[in-house]
PDB file of N, CA and C in Angstrom:
ATOM      1  N   UNK A   1     -10.701 -11.968  -2.964  1.00  0.00           N
ATOM      2  CA  UNK A   1      -9.416 -12.634  -3.321  1.00  0.00           C
ATOM      3  C   UNK A   1      -9.918 -13.763  -3.827  1.00  0.00           C
ATOM      4  N   UNK A   2      -9.225 -14.328  -5.190  1.00  0.00           N
ATOM      5  CA  UNK A   2      -9.588 -15.433  -5.721  1.00  0.00           C
ATOM      6  C   UNK A   2      -9.024 -16.821  -5.108  1.00  0.00           C
ATOM      7  N   UNK A   3     -10.012 -17.883  -5.137  1.00  0.00           N
ATOM      8  CA  UNK A   3      -9.588 -19.152  -4.508  1.00  0.00           C
ATOM      9  C   UNK A   3      -7.902 -19.341  -4.916  1.00  0.00           C
ATOM     10  N   UNK A   4      -7.085 -19.755  -4.158  1.00  0.00           N
ATOM     11  CA  UNK A   4      -5.706 -20.248  -4.416  1.00  0.00           C
ATOM     12  C   UNK A   4      -4.851 -18.940  -3.994  1.00  0.00           C
ATOM     13  N   UNK A   5      -5.351 -17.744  -3.957  1.00  0.00           N
ATOM     14  CA  UNK A   5      -4.638 -16.656  -3.519  1.00  0.00           C
ATOM     15  C   UNK A   5      -4.705 -16.203  -2.096  1.00  0.00           C
ATOM     16  N   UNK A   6      -5.396 -17.058  -1.307  1.00  0.00           N
ATOM     17  CA  UNK A   6      -5.487 -16.752   0.042  1.00  0.00           C
ATOM     18  C   UNK A   6      -4.348 -17.135   0.743  1.00  0.00           C
ATOM     19  N   UNK A   7      -4.177 -16.597   2.142  1.00  0.00           N
ATOM     20  CA  UNK A   7      -2.887 -16.896   2.854  1.00  0.00           C
ATOM     21  C   UNK A   7      -3.229 -18.166   3.709  1.00  0.00           C
ATOM     22  N   UNK A   8      -2.495 -19.230   3.853  1.00  0.00           N
ATOM     23  CA  UNK A   8      -2.821 -20.377   4.543  1.00  0.00           C
ATOM     24  C   UNK A   8      -2.110 -19.884   6.041  1.00  0.00           C
ATOM     25  N   UNK A   9      -2.592 -20.540   7.028  1.00  0.00           N
ATOM     26  CA  UNK A   9      -2.138 -20.056   8.444  1.00  0.00           C
ATOM     27  C   UNK A   9      -0.465 -19.836   8.479  1.00  0.00           C
ATOM     28  N   UNK A  10       0.227 -20.800   8.085  1.00  0.00           N
ATOM     29  CA  UNK A  10       1.596 -20.692   8.138  1.00  0.00           C
ATOM     30  C   UNK A  10       2.293 -19.545   7.408  1.00  0.00           C
ATOM     31  N   UNK A  11       1.702 -19.274   5.942  1.00  0.00           N
ATOM     32  CA  UNK A  11       2.037 -18.182   5.278  1.00  0.00           C
ATOM     33  C   UNK A  11       1.763 -16.855   5.858  1.00  0.00           C
ATOM     34  N   UNK A  12       0.598 -16.827   6.472  1.00  0.00           N
ATOM     35  CA  UNK A  12       0.322 -15.737   7.215  1.00  0.00           C
ATOM     36  C   UNK A  12       1.286 -15.453   8.321  1.00  0.00           C
ATOM     37  N   UNK A  13       1.688 -16.319   9.104  1.00  0.00           N
ATOM     38  CA  UNK A  13       2.588 -16.304  10.132  1.00  0.00           C
ATOM     39  C   UNK A  13       3.990 -15.560   9.529  1.00  0.00           C
ATOM     40  N   UNK A  14       4.455 -16.263   8.559  1.00  0.00           N
ATOM     41  CA  UNK A  14       5.780 -15.850   7.797  1.00  0.00           C
ATOM     42  C   UNK A  14       5.638 -14.473   7.271  1.00  0.00           C
ATOM     43  N   UNK A  15       4.467 -14.069   6.836  1.00  0.00           N
ATOM     44  CA  UNK A  15       4.218 -12.690   6.280  1.00  0.00           C
ATOM     45  C   UNK A  15       4.225 -11.819   7.480  1.00  0.00           C
ATOM     46  N   UNK A  16       3.700 -12.065   8.520  1.00  0.00           N
ATOM     47  CA  UNK A  16       3.581 -11.177   9.811  1.00  0.00           C
ATOM     48  C   UNK A  16       5.099 -11.077  10.264  1.00  0.00           C
ATOM     49  N   UNK A  17       6.054 -12.148  10.206  1.00  0.00           N
ATOM     50  CA  UNK A  17       7.316 -12.116  10.620  1.00  0.00           C
ATOM     51  C   UNK A  17       8.105 -11.000   9.783  1.00  0.00           C
ATOM     52  N   UNK A  18       7.812 -11.298   8.422  1.00  0.00           N
ATOM     53  CA  UNK A  18       8.490 -10.310   7.574  1.00  0.00           C
ATOM     54  C   UNK A  18       8.182  -8.816   7.939  1.00  0.00           C
ATOM     55  N   UNK A  19       6.895  -8.510   8.214  1.00  0.00           N
ATOM     56  CA  UNK A  19       6.573  -7.171   8.720  1.00  0.00           C
ATOM     57  C   UNK A  19       7.342  -6.626   9.886  1.00  0.00           C
ATOM     58  N   UNK A  20       7.347  -7.684  10.852  1.00  0.00           N
ATOM     59  CA  UNK A  20       8.065  -7.200  11.948  1.00  0.00           C
ATOM     60  C   UNK A  20       9.613  -6.914  11.833  1.00  0.00           C
ATOM     61  N   UNK A  21      10.220  -7.820  10.998  1.00  0.00           N
ATOM     62  CA  UNK A  21      11.457  -7.877  10.741  1.00  0.00           C
ATOM     63  C   UNK A  21      12.068  -6.551   9.815  1.00  0.00           C
ATOM     64  N   UNK A  22      11.213  -6.407   8.904  1.00  0.00           N
ATOM     65  CA  UNK A  22      11.678  -5.123   7.848  1.00  0.00           C
ATOM     66  C   UNK A  22      12.753  -5.374   7.151  1.00  0.00           C
ATOM     67  N   UNK A  23      13.857  -4.716   6.973  1.00  0.00           N
ATOM     68  CA  UNK A  23      14.877  -4.702   6.083  1.00  0.00           C
ATOM     69  C   UNK A  23      15.775  -5.796   6.726  1.00  0.00           C
ATOM     70  N   UNK A  24      15.611  -6.288   7.886  1.00  0.00           N
ATOM     71  CA  UNK A  24      16.402  -7.311   8.318  1.00  0.00           C
ATOM     72  C   UNK A  24      15.698  -8.836   8.232  1.00  0.00           C
ATOM     73  N   UNK A  25      15.060  -9.020   7.111  1.00  0.00           N
ATOM     74  CA  UNK A  25      14.207 -10.359   7.145  1.00  0.00           C
ATOM     75  C   UNK A  25      14.974 -11.199   6.300  1.00  0.00           C
ATOM     76  N   UNK A  26      15.569 -12.318   6.751  1.00  0.00           N
ATOM     77  CA  UNK A  26      16.316 -13.363   6.001  1.00  0.00           C
ATOM     78  C   UNK A  26      15.932 -14.517   6.686  1.00  0.00           C
ATOM     79  N   UNK A  27      16.170 -15.756   6.042  1.00  0.00           N
ATOM     80  CA  UNK A  27      15.803 -17.067   6.550  1.00  0.00           C
ATOM     81  C   UNK A  27      15.824 -17.218   7.893  1.00  0.00           C
ATOM     82  N   UNK A  28      16.987 -17.297   8.503  1.00  0.00           N
ATOM     83  CA  UNK A  28      17.279 -17.618   9.974  1.00  0.00           C
ATOM     84  C   UNK A  28      16.468 -16.722  10.921  1.00  0.00           C
ATOM     85  N   UNK A  29      16.650 -15.345  10.480  1.00  0.00           N
ATOM     86  CA  UNK A  29      15.892 -14.508  11.430  1.00  0.00           C
ATOM     87  C   UNK A  29      14.289 -14.636  11.324  1.00  0.00           C
ATOM     88  N   UNK A  30      13.696 -14.897  10.111  1.00  0.00           N
ATOM     89  CA  UNK A  30      12.339 -15.031  10.139  1.00  0.00           C
ATOM     90  C   UNK A  30      11.990 -16.365  10.840  1.00  0.00           C
ATOM     91  N   UNK A  31      12.660 -17.346  10.897  1.00  0.00           N
ATOM     92  CA  UNK A  31      12.621 -18.605  11.639  1.00  0.00           C
ATOM     93  C   UNK A  31      12.799 -18.252  12.930  1.00  0.00           C
ATOM     94  N   UNK A  32      13.719 -17.640  13.382  1.00  0.00           N
ATOM     95  CA  UNK A  32      13.870 -17.286  14.772  1.00  0.00           C
ATOM     96  C   UNK A  32      12.653 -16.440  15.393  1.00  0.00           C
ATOM     97  N   UNK A  33      12.070 -15.555  14.567  1.00  0.00           N
ATOM     98  CA  UNK A  33      10.994 -14.727  15.024  1.00  0.00           C
ATOM     99  C   UNK A  33       9.601 -15.578  15.085  1.00  0.00           C
ATOM    100  N   UNK A  34       9.504 -16.608  14.122  1.00  0.00           N
ATOM    101  CA  UNK A  34       8.319 -17.288  14.326  1.00  0.00           C
ATOM    102  C   UNK A  34       8.456 -18.208  15.372  1.00  0.00           C
ATOM    103  N   UNK A  35       9.439 -18.932  15.845  1.00  0.00           N
ATOM    104  CA  UNK A  35       9.547 -19.670  16.898  1.00  0.00           C
ATOM    105  C   UNK A  35       9.402 -18.965  18.308  1.00  0.00           C
ATOM    106  N   UNK A  36      10.146 -17.720  18.301  1.00  0.00           N
ATOM    107  CA  UNK A  36       9.930 -17.140  19.592  1.00  0.00           C
ATOM    108  C   UNK A  36       8.558 -16.419  19.827  1.00  0.00           C
ATOM    109  N   UNK A  37       7.832 -16.070  18.736  1.00  0.00           N
ATOM    110  CA  UNK A  37       6.571 -15.314  18.877  1.00  0.00           C
ATOM    111  C   UNK A  37       5.539 -16.370  18.969  1.00  0.00           C
ATOM    112  N   UNK A  38       5.606 -17.540  18.483  1.00  0.00           N
ATOM    113  CA  UNK A  38       4.550 -18.520  18.466  1.00  0.00           C
ATOM    114  C   UNK A  38       4.622 -19.675  19.478  1.00  0.00           C
ATOM    115  N   UNK A  39       6.002 -19.854  19.986  1.00  0.00           N
ATOM    116  CA  UNK A  39       6.218 -20.858  20.757  1.00  0.00           C
ATOM    117  C   UNK A  39       6.284 -22.431  20.035  1.00  0.00           C
ATOM    118  N   UNK A  40       6.063 -22.247  18.671  1.00  0.00           N
ATOM    119  CA  UNK A  40       5.963 -23.478  17.904  1.00  0.00           C
ATOM    120  C   UNK A  40       7.433 -23.794  17.490  1.00  0.00           C
ATOM    121  N   UNK A  41       7.671 -25.153  17.411  1.00  0.00           N
ATOM    122  CA  UNK A  41       9.034 -25.577  16.847  1.00  0.00           C
ATOM    123  C   UNK A  41       8.730 -25.682  15.242  1.00  0.00           C
ATOM    124  N   UNK A  42       9.534 -24.950  14.506  1.00  0.00           N
ATOM    125  CA  UNK A  42       9.330 -24.889  13.068  1.00  0.00           C
ATOM    126  C   UNK A  42      10.621 -25.320  12.417  1.00  0.00           C
ATOM    127  N   UNK A  43      10.353 -26.184  11.299  1.00  0.00           N
ATOM    128  CA  UNK A  43      11.653 -26.433  10.534  1.00  0.00           C
ATOM    129  C   UNK A  43      11.844 -25.220   9.570  1.00  0.00           C
ATOM    130  N   UNK A  44      13.236 -24.950   9.690  1.00  0.00           N
ATOM    131  CA  UNK A  44      13.650 -23.846   8.633  1.00  0.00           C
ATOM    132  C   UNK A  44      13.387 -24.251   7.292  1.00  0.00           C
ATOM    133  N   UNK A  45      13.270 -25.510   6.910  1.00  0.00           N
ATOM    134  CA  UNK A  45      12.748 -25.785   5.474  1.00  0.00           C
ATOM    135  C   UNK A  45      11.351 -25.350   5.260  1.00  0.00           C
ATOM    136  N   UNK A  46      10.469 -25.515   6.190  1.00  0.00           N
ATOM    137  CA  UNK A  46       9.240 -25.153   6.056  1.00  0.00           C
ATOM    138  C   UNK A  46       8.987 -23.532   5.895  1.00  0.00           C
ATOM    139  N   UNK A  47       9.779 -22.819   6.628  1.00  0.00           N
ATOM    140  CA  UNK A  47       9.909 -21.419   6.415  1.00  0.00           C
ATOM    141  C   UNK A  47      10.443 -21.075   4.980  1.00  0.00           C
ATOM    142  N   UNK A  48      11.280 -21.697   4.399  1.00  0.00           N
ATOM    143  CA  UNK A  48      11.830 -21.492   3.083  1.00  0.00           C
ATOM    144  C   UNK A  48      10.787 -21.961   2.003  1.00  0.00           C
ATOM    145  N   UNK A  49      10.119 -23.074   2.310  1.00  0.00           N
ATOM    146  CA  UNK A  49       9.103 -23.449   1.469  1.00  0.00           C
ATOM    147  C   UNK A  49       7.874 -22.493   1.314  1.00  0.00           C
ATOM    148  N   UNK A  50       7.474 -21.925   2.441  1.00  0.00           N
ATOM    149  CA  UNK A  50       6.419 -21.011   2.521  1.00  0.00           C
ATOM    150  C   UNK A  50       6.873 -19.697   1.612  1.00  0.00           C
ATOM    151  N   UNK A  51       8.128 -19.231   2.061  1.00  0.00           N
ATOM    152  CA  UNK A  51       8.782 -17.902   1.264  1.00  0.00           C
ATOM    153  C   UNK A  51       8.638 -18.304  -0.169  1.00  0.00           C
ATOM    154  N   UNK A  52       8.945 -19.409  -0.686  1.00  0.00           N
ATOM    155  CA  UNK A  52       8.890 -19.789  -2.064  1.00  0.00           C
ATOM    156  C   UNK A  52       7.416 -19.620  -2.762  1.00  0.00           C
ATOM    157  N   UNK A  53       6.672 -20.227  -1.986  1.00  0.00           N
ATOM    158  CA  UNK A  53       5.064 -20.036  -2.468  1.00  0.00           C
ATOM    159  C   UNK A  53       4.678 -18.702  -2.414  1.00  0.00           C
ATOM    160  N   UNK A  54       5.089 -17.818  -1.352  1.00  0.00           N
ATOM    161  CA  UNK A  54       4.455 -16.417  -1.277  1.00  0.00           C
ATOM    162  C   UNK A  54       5.318 -15.798  -2.304  1.00  0.00           C
ATOM    163  N   UNK A  55       6.360 -16.190  -2.855  1.00  0.00           N
ATOM    164  CA  UNK A  55       7.042 -15.385  -4.136  1.00  0.00           C
ATOM    165  C   UNK A  55       6.333 -15.752  -5.151  1.00  0.00           C
ATOM    166  N   UNK A  56       6.137 -16.982  -5.497  1.00  0.00           N
ATOM    167  CA  UNK A  56       5.313 -17.409  -6.634  1.00  0.00           C
ATOM    168  C   UNK A  56       4.002 -16.722  -6.766  1.00  0.00           C
ATOM    169  N   UNK A  57       3.327 -16.344  -5.787  1.00  0.00           N
ATOM    170  CA  UNK A  57       2.069 -15.937  -5.762  1.00  0.00           C
ATOM    171  C   UNK A  57       2.525 -14.119  -6.060  1.00  0.00           C
ATOM    172  N   UNK A  58       3.677 -13.847  -5.727  1.00  0.00           N
ATOM    173  CA  UNK A  58       3.813 -12.293  -6.179  1.00  0.00           C
ATOM    174  C   UNK A  58       3.570 -11.291  -4.808  1.00  0.00           C
ATOM    175  N   UNK A  59       3.482 -12.247  -3.570  1.00  0.00           N
ATOM    176  CA  UNK A  59       3.343 -11.426  -2.331  1.00  0.00           C
ATOM    177  C   UNK A  59       4.565 -10.984  -1.671  1.00  0.00           C
ATOM    178  N   UNK A  60       5.766 -11.696  -2.044  1.00  0.00           N
ATOM    179  CA  UNK A  60       7.021 -11.538  -1.507  1.00  0.00           C
ATOM    180  C   UNK A  60       8.149 -11.450  -2.546  1.00  0.00           C
ATOM    181  N   UNK A  61       9.108 -10.656  -2.427  1.00  0.00           N
ATOM    182  CA  UNK A  61      10.283 -10.870  -3.479  1.00  0.00           C
ATOM    183  C   UNK A  61      11.595 -11.023  -2.565  1.00  0.00           C
ATOM    184  N   UNK A  62      12.672 -11.497  -3.410  1.00  0.00           N
ATOM    185  CA  UNK A  62      13.901 -11.794  -2.510  1.00  0.00           C
ATOM    186  C   UNK A  62      14.944 -11.173  -3.319  1.00  0.00           C
ATOM    187  N   UNK A  63      16.072 -10.994  -2.698  1.00  0.00           N
ATOM    188  CA  UNK A  63      17.409 -10.637  -3.279  1.00  0.00           C
ATOM    189  C   UNK A  63      18.618 -11.087  -2.464  1.00  0.00           C
ATOM    190  N   UNK A  64      19.719 -11.208  -3.209  1.00  0.00           N
ATOM    191  CA  UNK A  64      20.752 -11.781  -2.384  1.00  0.00           C
ATOM    192  C   UNK A  64      21.705 -10.605  -2.011  1.00  0.00           C
ATOM    193  N   UNK A  65      22.002 -10.580  -0.748  1.00  0.00           N
ATOM    194  CA  UNK A  65      23.006  -9.676  -0.234  1.00  0.00           C
ATOM    195  C   UNK A  65      24.389  -9.944  -0.600  1.00  0.00           C
ATOM    196  N   UNK A  66      25.252  -9.139  -0.074  1.00  0.00           N
ATOM    197  CA  UNK A  66      26.656  -9.327  -0.341  1.00  0.00           C
ATOM    198  C   UNK A  66      27.177 -10.489   0.465  1.00  0.00           C
ATOM    199  N   UNK A  67      28.099 -11.313   0.118  1.00  0.00           N
ATOM    200  CA  UNK A  67      28.792 -12.197   0.878  1.00  0.00           C
ATOM    201  C   UNK A  67      29.703 -11.594   1.902  1.00  0.00           C
ATOM    202  N   UNK A  68      29.645 -12.270   3.047  1.00  0.00           N
ATOM    203  CA  UNK A  68      30.284 -11.709   4.311  1.00  0.00           C
ATOM    204  C   UNK A  68      31.361 -12.778   4.702  1.00  0.00           C
ATOM    205  N   UNK A  69      32.522 -12.344   5.115  1.00  0.00           N
ATOM    206  CA  UNK A  69      33.634 -13.214   5.907  1.00  0.00           C
ATOM    207  C   UNK A  69      32.912 -13.982   7.001  1.00  0.00           C
ATOM    208  N   UNK A  70      32.023 -13.500   7.796  1.00  0.00           N
ATOM    209  CA  UNK A  70      31.518 -13.975   9.029  1.00  0.00           C
ATOM    210  C   UNK A  70      30.716 -15.271   8.561  1.00  0.00           C
ATOM    211  N   UNK A  71      30.207 -15.264   7.461  1.00  0.00           N
ATOM    212  CA  UNK A  71      29.477 -16.482   6.913  1.00  0.00           C
ATOM    213  C   UNK A  71      30.064 -17.197   5.969  1.00  0.00           C
ATOM    214  N   UNK A  72      31.480 -17.290   6.016  1.00  0.00           N
ATOM    215  CA  UNK A  72      32.223 -18.056   5.085  1.00  0.00           C
ATOM    216  C   UNK A  72      32.280 -17.630   3.654  1.00  0.00           C
ATOM    217  N   UNK A  73      31.890 -16.354   3.443  1.00  0.00           N
ATOM    218  CA  UNK A  73      31.911 -15.858   2.030  1.00  0.00           C
ATOM    219  C   UNK A  73      30.484 -16.016   1.462  1.00  0.00           C
ATOM    220  N   UNK A  74      29.484 -16.630   2.330  1.00  0.00           N
ATOM    221  CA  UNK A  74      28.166 -16.720   1.832  1.00  0.00           C
ATOM    222  C   UNK A  74      27.309 -15.456   1.814  1.00  0.00           C
ATOM    223  N   UNK A  75      26.481 -15.446   1.037  1.00  0.00           N
ATOM    224  CA  UNK A  75      25.536 -14.297   1.080  1.00  0.00           C
ATOM    225  C   UNK A  75      24.184 -14.706   1.582  1.00  0.00           C
ATOM    226  N   UNK A  76      23.419 -13.601   2.177  1.00  0.00           N
ATOM    227  CA  UNK A  76      22.053 -13.902   2.804  1.00  0.00           C
ATOM    228  C   UNK A  76      20.972 -13.431   1.856  1.00  0.00           C
ATOM    229  N   UNK A  77      20.017 -14.235   1.836  1.00  0.00           N
ATOM    230  CA  UNK A  77      18.843 -14.003   1.013  1.00  0.00           C
ATOM    231  C   UNK A  77      17.818 -13.319   1.775  1.00  0.00           C
ATOM    232  N   UNK A  78      17.572 -12.089   1.359  1.00  0.00           N
ATOM    233  CA  UNK A  78      16.629 -11.186   2.004  1.00  0.00           C
ATOM    234  C   UNK A  78      15.086 -11.135   1.314  1.00  0.00           C
ATOM    235  N   UNK A  79      14.273 -10.956   2.156  1.00  0.00           N
ATOM    236  CA  UNK A  79      12.775 -10.999   1.783  1.00  0.00           C
ATOM    237  C   UNK A  79      12.099  -9.706   2.011  1.00  0.00           C
ATOM    238  N   UNK A  80      11.164  -9.332   1.175  1.00  0.00           N
ATOM    239  CA  UNK A  80      10.272  -8.234   1.602  1.00  0.00           C
ATOM    240  C   UNK A  80       8.890  -8.595   0.935  1.00  0.00           C
ATOM    241  N   UNK A  81       7.925  -7.676   1.476  1.00  0.00           N
ATOM    242  CA  UNK A  81       6.479  -8.098   1.166  1.00  0.00           C
ATOM    243  C   UNK A  81       6.293  -6.922   0.032  1.00  0.00           C
ATOM    244  N   UNK A  82       5.622  -7.553  -1.056  1.00  0.00           N
ATOM    245  CA  UNK A  82       5.267  -6.550  -2.085  1.00  0.00           C
ATOM    246  C   UNK A  82       4.006  -6.067  -1.843  1.00  0.00           C
ATOM    247  N   UNK A  83       3.465  -5.044  -2.566  1.00  0.00           N
ATOM    248  CA  UNK A  83       2.061  -4.547  -2.605  1.00  0.00           C
ATOM    249  C   UNK A  83       1.067  -5.694  -2.514  1.00  0.00           C
ATOM    250  N   UNK A  84       1.076  -6.513  -3.422  1.00  0.00           N
ATOM    251  CA  UNK A  84       0.143  -7.751  -3.492  1.00  0.00           C
ATOM    252  C   UNK A  84       0.175  -8.430  -2.010  1.00  0.00           C
ATOM    253  N   UNK A  85       0.977  -8.588  -1.495  1.00  0.00           N
ATOM    254  CA  UNK A  85       1.305  -9.222  -0.194  1.00  0.00           C
ATOM    255  C   UNK A  85       0.751  -8.411   0.896  1.00  0.00           C
ATOM    256  N   UNK A  86       0.972  -7.112   0.839  1.00  0.00           N
ATOM    257  CA  UNK A  86       0.184  -6.186   1.988  1.00  0.00           C
ATOM    258  C   UNK A  86      -1.231  -6.159   1.801  1.00  0.00           C
ATOM    259  N   UNK A  87      -1.788  -6.207   0.392  1.00  0.00           N
ATOM    260  CA  UNK A  87      -3.369  -6.390   0.279  1.00  0.00           C
ATOM    261  C   UNK A  87      -3.811  -7.726   0.978  1.00  0.00           C
ATOM    262  N   UNK A  88      -2.791  -8.763   0.624  1.00  0.00           N
ATOM    263  CA  UNK A  88      -3.371 -10.113   1.101  1.00  0.00           C
ATOM    264  C   UNK A  88      -3.561 -10.165   2.603  1.00  0.00           C
ATOM    265  N   UNK A  89      -2.550  -9.394   3.203  1.00  0.00           N
ATOM    266  CA  UNK A  89      -2.442  -9.452   4.633  1.00  0.00           C
ATOM    267  C   UNK A  89      -3.694  -8.784   5.134  1.00  0.00           C
ATOM    268  N   UNK A  90      -3.897  -7.675   4.551  1.00  0.00           N
ATOM    269  CA  UNK A  90      -5.089  -6.926   4.910  1.00  0.00           C
ATOM    270  C   UNK A  90      -6.427  -7.678   4.902  1.00  0.00           C
ATOM    271  N   UNK A  91      -6.472  -8.385   3.761  1.00  0.00           N
ATOM    272  CA  UNK A  91      -7.710  -9.200   3.523  1.00  0.00           C
ATOM    273  C   UNK A  91      -7.813 -10.142   4.603  1.00  0.00           C
ATOM    274  N   UNK A  92      -6.746 -10.892   4.894  1.00  0.00           N
ATOM    275  CA  UNK A  92      -6.781 -11.972   5.806  1.00  0.00           C
ATOM    276  C   UNK A  92      -7.058 -11.394   6.958  1.00  0.00           C
ATOM    277  N   UNK A  93      -6.623 -10.323   7.545  1.00  0.00           N
ATOM    278  CA  UNK A  93      -6.998  -9.652   8.740  1.00  0.00           C
ATOM    279  C   UNK A  93      -8.380  -9.310   8.970  1.00  0.00           C
ATOM    280  N   UNK A  94      -8.910  -8.768   7.678  1.00  0.00           N
ATOM    281  CA  UNK A  94     -10.168  -8.423   7.603  1.00  0.00           C
ATOM    282  C   UNK A  94     -11.254  -9.680   7.744  1.00  0.00           C
ATOM    283  N   UNK A  95     -10.977 -10.858   7.016  1.00  0.00           N
ATOM    284  CA  UNK A  95     -11.782 -12.080   7.108  1.00  0.00           C
ATOM    285  C   UNK A  95     -11.672 -12.563   8.516  1.00  0.00           C
ATOM    286  N   UNK A  96     -10.621 -12.649   9.213  1.00  0.00           N
ATOM    287  CA  UNK A  96     -10.376 -13.214  10.492  1.00  0.00           C
ATOM    288  C   UNK A  96     -11.377 -12.249  11.539  1.00  0.00           C
ATOM    289  N   UNK A  97     -11.145 -11.109  11.347  1.00  0.00           N
ATOM    290  CA  UNK A  97     -12.008 -10.232  12.258  1.00  0.00           C
ATOM    291  C   UNK A  97     -13.301 -10.407  12.079  1.00  0.00           C
ATOM    292  N   UNK A  98     -13.896 -10.561  10.903  1.00  0.00           N
ATOM    293  CA  UNK A  98     -15.287 -10.823  10.621  1.00  0.00           C
ATOM    294  C   UNK A  98     -15.616 -12.165  11.065  1.00  0.00           C
ATOM    295  N   UNK A  99     -14.828 -13.330  11.068  1.00  0.00           N
ATOM    296  CA  UNK A  99     -15.135 -14.460  11.556  1.00  0.00           C
ATOM    297  C   UNK A  99     -15.104 -14.481  13.125  1.00  0.00           C
ATOM    298  N   UNK A 100     -14.296 -13.574  13.825  1.00  0.00           N
ATOM    299  CA  UNK A 100     -14.285 -13.584  15.042  1.00  0.00           C
ATOM    300  C   UNK A 100     -15.139 -12.766  15.847  1.00  0.00           C
ATOM    301  N   UNK A 101     -15.730 -11.872  15.009  1.00  0.00           N
ATOM    302  CA  UNK A 101     -16.742 -10.833  15.538  1.00  0.00           C
ATOM    303  C   UNK A 101     -17.882 -11.485  16.404  1.00  0.00           C
ATOM    304  N   UNK A 102     -18.203 -10.801  17.528  1.00  0.00           N
ATOM    305  CA  UNK A 102     -19.235 -11.359  18.295  1.00  0.00           C
ATOM    306  C   UNK A 102     -19.179 -12.719  18.988  1.00  0.00           C
ATOM    307  N   UNK A 103     -17.970 -13.337  18.828  1.00  0.00           N
ATOM    308  CA  UNK A 103     -17.781 -14.869  19.426  1.00  0.00           C
ATOM    309  C   UNK A 103     -17.064 -14.675  20.854  1.00  0.00           C
ATOM    310  N   UNK A 104     -16.802 -13.750  21.473  1.00  0.00           N
ATOM    311  CA  UNK A 104     -16.113 -13.253  22.739  1.00  0.00           C
ATOM    312  C   UNK A 104     -16.944 -14.039  23.779  1.00  0.00           C
ATOM    313  N   UNK A 105     -18.280 -13.919  23.933  1.00  0.00           N
ATOM    314  CA  UNK A 105     -19.062 -14.502  24.812  1.00  0.00           C
ATOM    315  C   UNK A 105     -18.926 -15.982  24.794  1.00  0.00           C
ATOM    316  N   UNK A 106     -19.033 -16.633  23.519  1.00  0.00           N
ATOM    317  CA  UNK A 106     -18.965 -18.013  23.367  1.00  0.00           C
ATOM    318  C   UNK A 106     -17.510 -18.606  23.618  1.00  0.00           C
ATOM    319  N   UNK A 107     -16.526 -17.845  23.089  1.00  0.00           N
ATOM    320  CA  UNK A 107     -15.230 -18.277  23.345  1.00  0.00           C
ATOM    321  C   UNK A 107     -14.716 -18.248  24.755  1.00  0.00           C
ATOM    322  N   UNK A 108     -15.252 -17.352  25.376  1.00  0.00           N
ATOM    323  CA  UNK A 108     -15.016 -17.124  26.900  1.00  0.00           C
ATOM    324  C   UNK A 108     -15.482 -18.387  27.670  1.00  0.00           C
ATOM    325  N   UNK A 109     -16.324 -19.170  27.227  1.00  0.00           N
ATOM    326  CA  UNK A 109     -16.763 -20.149  27.935  1.00  0.00           C
ATOM    327  C   UNK A 109     -15.879 -21.360  27.744  1.00  0.00           C
ATOM    328  N   UNK A 110     -15.046 -21.490  26.916  1.00  0.00           N
ATOM    329  CA  UNK A 110     -13.996 -22.546  26.690  1.00  0.00           C
ATOM    330  C   UNK A 110     -12.769 -22.520  27.630  1.00  0.00           C
TER     331      UNK A 110
END
């Protein structure tokens, strides 16, 4: 993976939330998934900024759903992972596994 194409920590977390949410991945749900799974307080603006970066990299695409009366006629913007994003996730997982390999005895001391 060329430099600049790697996933940062927060981008990785956002991508994993997208995988978990599947077809129901839109801003607020992604934000809720991240906060509930990580226990971190996250600004929703940070989620959208990461999604925009991921879209520029070609890892994620988005589309606007139908407006709904429940949302005052506003539409939700949905996100999905593209093939390049899946490859980036697999590469990140492989890299992290390689870095963690053999460290259990050392990390167990902390």
